[in-house]
Amino acid sequence: MRRLLTTLVILLVVLVAGMSALVLLVNPNDFRGYMIKKVEQSSGYHLTLEGDLRWHVWPQLSILAGRMTLTASGAAAPAVSADNMRLDVKLLPLLSHQLYVKQVMLKNAVIRLTPDSAEQNQPDAPIAPGGNQADDGSGSLWKFDIDNLRVVDSLLIWQRANNEQINVRDINLTLQQNDKHQAQIELSSRVNRDQRDLSFNLAANLDLQQFPRQIGAQVTQFSYQLEGADILAGAIKGEGSVQAVYQQASQQIVLSQLMLSANDSQLTGSASAQFGPVPAYTLDLSATQLNLDALSGWQTKTPDEEKLPPPVTASPVIANQADDPQQNLQVLRDFNAQLKLKADQVTYRGMSINQLAVQASNQQGLMTVTTLSGKLAGGDFSLPGSMDARTDKPLIKLQPQLRQIELGEVLKAFDMPSALTGTFNMQGDLSGDRLNAKAFEHRWQGTAELSMQNAQLHGLNIQQLIQQAVARNDSSVRGEDNNQRYTAVQQMSAKASLSKGQITLSGLQAESPVMSLTGSGTLNMPGKQCDLTMNVLVTGGWQGNNALIAQLRETPIPLRVYGPWDQLNYQLQVDQLLRKKLQDRAKDALNKWAEKNKGSQDGQDLKKLLDKL
């Protein structure tokens, strides 16, 4: 054991002595010009090193440098700058005065991917002959071998054209590559923008054999968390994986085998992006479960909870001031896109949507939705349409088709009183400038054909109102005992027109076994008020005087329903109608008597009197 320890101590002394002698014999500043030349030859970037280079021998033989920059030809700002750089080098090549770098570490670096840091062609630069002679494919693109790269506590500034800059902070990157130019990467960072914070971690395998012409990546582990303004209190978090290939010549990135989760939602599919003056994006996604309520924080509220604020962080003040719809939609002008989405089940505002299918495209501000369909509340819907954001005033067009949908579930989902329930059908043509409730209530317009089956108007029993009013005026008849607090009809239809929040109903018709009605009216959506005028014919449920009942079954009774949706008022003029009926019956009897006695003076006098009435 003593001999082994002695041998180890001797080896350690020799190693320390050798490294110390090497440090004294080799000046790291001798490699300054060599590194600058090699970097420029292999990448085209100019390397600047400020201050003297110095050795660091423990625990790894390294060259330490002060501030450094990498600048593209003609660029106004450096692509990479760092306060400190460390080069871990191999010992044996130094004996022959050669530099072999095992690892490059940058600390507090700033990486710029902006127009200012991009390469700029000089006006007086010579024009190379056709073809790219610098890259003929015959030599390795890896001129300066680096086994490992580390970036610690750094910042990435990304900007395309004149768009807003995006800052990616706290970058910690580790890249390890082998002699086959295959690498493993670990990256963690966060993005902060508009009072929202996105933090993420990923691990990936890179294929860099054809770098920079092509880069392949397999992201094996990815996790993220999004929190901040307008994000639910528990944050949005999830995991994912993907395979990606980037082609430099076509400036295209293709994503395949994409898997991404967000809380309890999962997405799979593929995507691609074609960069250029007008980027083009393609998304083809599918999901078994897509819970939009869990992502937005929406919850069904009790009456007491409706008075409390939602459990999300308030949005930034500047965002609330963006009232111009064009400010939000003008981003559509900057790209082209194709979207396909299929979801087995979607949860939205408490409603379960099954077999959702979406197919849409965008052409620099002209967005066309060819398919937006699914099954909802016992029926199905289709909402094709378009959005034109190419002009100063956006125009949205929708052609909704709703079939056999339970209306009460939809009204409840949008916090509207369930004054009317039943199986709802609609076919319409609508247009507006924004997709939100406020715009729909104030600025949308269009027409629609409506129908319902097994409808119930809650809070008002029209048949009972009419029969009770008749019984109060004539005790010889009465209606059947009925404690229902709603009006039930089997079939109902109407035509509707929408303008600035006012829905005008025409051709209103409704049928039930004991009643039929016709009418028209208006619905005020912003004020949640209605004013309907109807003629109601009650054909069943009468008891008593058969002669009067026979007349009532053939006599439409005027009814006006008005007021707030959740507290309807009515106006019924049964007494005037019955009085007029009685007068008509009496007048008819007198006319018959006068006609029968027209030869007498009394008959002639009565006839003259009746003609004046």
Foldseek 3Di string as FASTA:
>chain_A
DVVVVVVVVVVVVVVVVVVVVLQVVDAVQVCVVVVQVLCCLLPVWGKDFPDGWHWDPPPFTKIKTAWMFTAHAPAQDTQKIAGIKIFGFDDVVVVVPDTATAEIEGEAMEGEAERRRDHDDDPPDDDDDPDDPSCPPPDFSCRHDYFKYWYAQYWYWHDDDPDDIWIKTGWTKIWGADPQRKIKMWIWIWTADQFKIKTKIWIWIWRCRPPPQKIKIKTPKMKMWMAGAQWAPVTWIWIWIWIWMAGPVQRKIKIAQTWIDIVHWIKGGIKMWGDDQAIEIETAIETAEAEVCNGRVADQDDPVCVVPDGRGHHGDPVVVPPPQLLVVQQVLLRYKYWYWYWYQWYADLNWIWGGFIWTWIGDRQKIWTPFTKTQTQNWIKTWTWIWGSPDSQIKTKTFIWTFQHWVQVVCSSVVHDPQKTFGKTKTWIKMWRDPDPVRQQFAMKTKMKIKGAFMKRAQDAPLQVLQVVVCVQPVQKHFADDPGRIHTFGMWIWMWIDGRNKIWTAQIWTHDPFKIKTWIWIARRVVQKTKIKMFMAGQDRMDGDPVVSVVSNVGTWIKIWIDHSVHIDIDTDNNVVVVVVVVVVVLVVLLVVLVVPVVDPVSVVSVVVSVVD
